[in-house]
Protein backbone atom coordinates (compact mmCIF):
# COMPACT_ATOMS: atom_id res chain seq x y z
CA MET A 1 7.66 24.83 26.23
CA GLY A 2 9.28 23.54 23.14
CA PHE A 3 11.62 20.59 23.24
CA GLN A 4 11.05 17.87 20.66
CA ALA A 5 9.52 14.55 21.62
CA ASP A 6 11.06 11.96 19.29
CA ILE A 7 9.74 8.58 18.24
CA ILE A 8 12.43 6.01 17.49
CA ILE A 9 11.69 2.93 15.38
CA TRP A 10 14.18 0.10 15.92
CA ASN A 11 15.15 -2.99 13.95
CA PHE A 12 15.37 -5.61 16.67
CA GLU A 13 17.15 -8.20 14.51
CA ASP A 14 20.35 -6.21 14.09
CA ARG A 15 19.70 -3.72 16.93
CA SER A 16 19.88 -0.67 14.72
CA MET A 17 17.76 2.46 14.61
CA LEU A 18 15.57 2.61 11.50
CA HIS A 19 14.00 6.05 11.91
CA LYS A 20 13.90 8.93 14.34
CA LEU A 21 10.59 10.75 13.88
CA HIS A 22 10.32 14.26 15.26
CA LEU A 23 7.25 16.43 14.75
CA HIS A 24 5.74 16.34 18.25
CA LYS A 25 6.47 18.83 21.01
CA VAL A 26 6.99 17.98 24.70
CA LEU A 27 4.90 14.77 24.93
CA ILE A 28 3.76 11.74 22.98
CA GLN A 29 0.47 10.63 24.47
CA SER A 30 -0.17 7.45 22.46
CA LEU A 31 1.34 5.25 19.72
CA THR A 32 -0.31 2.54 17.64
CA PHE A 33 0.67 0.40 14.64
CA CYS A 34 -1.90 -0.66 12.05
CA CYS A 35 -2.72 -4.34 11.50
CA ASN A 36 -0.08 -4.90 8.79
CA GLU A 37 2.53 -2.66 10.51
CA LEU A 38 2.87 -0.39 7.48
CA TYR A 39 1.69 2.70 9.36
CA LEU A 40 2.25 4.17 12.80
CA ALA A 41 -0.10 6.72 14.35
CA SER A 42 1.17 9.02 17.09
CA LEU A 43 -0.67 11.44 19.33
CA GLY A 44 0.90 14.53 20.84
CA GLY A 45 -0.17 16.19 24.07
CA GLN A 46 -1.96 19.44 24.84
CA ASP A 47 1.15 21.53 24.09
CA ASP A 48 1.05 19.98 20.63
CA LYS A 49 -2.70 20.77 20.17
CA ASN A 50 -3.44 17.01 20.43
CA MET A 51 -1.79 16.58 17.02
CA MET A 52 -2.28 13.14 15.52
CA ILE A 53 0.17 12.08 12.83
CA VAL A 54 0.11 8.96 10.64
CA TRP A 55 3.61 7.87 9.62
CA ASP A 56 4.85 5.53 6.89
CA VAL A 57 7.00 3.04 8.80
CA GLU A 58 9.15 2.03 5.83
CA SER A 59 10.17 5.56 4.79
CA GLY A 60 9.81 7.30 8.15
CA LYS A 61 7.84 10.18 6.63
CA ALA A 62 4.69 11.79 7.98
CA LEU A 63 1.76 11.12 5.65
CA TYR A 64 -1.18 12.80 7.37
CA GLY A 65 -1.61 15.03 10.39
CA THR A 66 -4.43 16.79 12.15
CA PRO A 67 -4.89 18.67 15.43
CA ASN A 68 -7.85 17.71 17.60
CA ARG A 69 -10.08 20.30 19.23
CA ASP A 70 -10.73 18.06 22.26
CA ILE A 71 -8.35 16.45 24.74
CA VAL A 72 -7.48 12.98 23.42
CA ASN A 73 -6.21 10.30 25.82
CA GLN A 74 -5.47 7.43 23.46
CA ILE A 75 -5.67 6.35 19.83
CA LYS A 76 -5.82 2.83 18.37
CA PHE A 77 -6.06 1.44 14.83
CA PHE A 78 -9.00 -0.88 14.12
CA ASN A 79 -7.95 -4.55 14.25
CA ARG A 80 -8.35 -5.25 10.53
CA ASP A 81 -8.34 -1.79 8.95
CA GLU A 82 -5.35 0.42 8.20
CA ASP A 83 -7.52 3.44 7.37
CA ARG A 84 -9.59 3.78 10.55
CA LEU A 85 -8.67 4.63 14.12
CA ILE A 86 -10.56 5.20 17.32
CA ALA A 87 -9.74 8.11 19.60
CA VAL A 88 -10.69 8.07 23.28
CA LEU A 89 -11.48 11.58 24.48
CA ASP A 90 -12.20 12.96 27.93
CA LYS A 91 -15.86 13.31 27.00
CA GLY A 92 -16.45 10.61 24.41
CA VAL A 93 -15.10 8.66 21.47
CA GLN A 94 -14.29 9.59 17.87
CA ILE A 95 -13.85 7.38 14.83
CA LEU A 96 -11.08 8.75 12.61
CA THR A 97 -10.86 7.84 8.93
CA VAL A 98 -7.79 8.46 6.78
CA ASP A 99 -8.86 9.97 3.45
CA ARG A 100 -5.91 9.10 1.21
CA ALA A 101 -7.28 10.88 -1.88
CA ASN A 102 -7.53 14.27 -0.12
CA LYS A 103 -4.67 13.63 2.36
CA LYS A 104 -6.89 14.36 5.37
CA ILE A 105 -8.11 12.68 8.51
CA LYS A 106 -11.86 12.91 8.99
CA SER A 107 -13.46 12.55 12.40
CA LEU A 108 -16.89 11.31 13.43
CA ASP A 109 -18.13 11.76 16.99
CA VAL A 110 -19.80 8.70 18.49
CA ASN A 111 -23.13 9.49 20.13
CA PHE A 112 -23.75 7.47 23.29
CA GLY A 113 -27.08 9.15 24.00
CA ASN A 114 -27.81 9.41 27.74
CA MET A 115 -25.17 6.90 28.82
CA LYS A 116 -22.78 8.22 31.46
CA ARG A 117 -20.14 6.65 33.63
C-alpha cells in the first residue's frame, strides 16, 4: 500500500503541464478550487489518513495539511471565501478554516441535533 497518487494541473491554452503535485498515497478522494482559483484543496483516502492539503496553484507547493480523524467523503471551498471549506463526513459535516497566521487548518463539527436521514 504505497504508490503515489499525483495531481496534475494543466494549462489548457498551450496544453502544457504546470505542476505535478504528489503528497497523497493510493487515492485522491476529492479536489476543489477556491473562488479565485489561487488555491486547490485535495483530500486523500483512508490509506492517507484522510489527509487534506491546501496547495498554492501558482507555485505548486503545499501550504497547509491536516489528517482527519473521521472518514471524509468530499470537500468543497465556500463560494466566496478562500479560507473556509466544508467537509462531508460519513456521520456529519465539518467546517474547516485555514488559519494562515499559525499555518493550521481548524475544524468545527456541525451539530444537526436529532436530525437523521
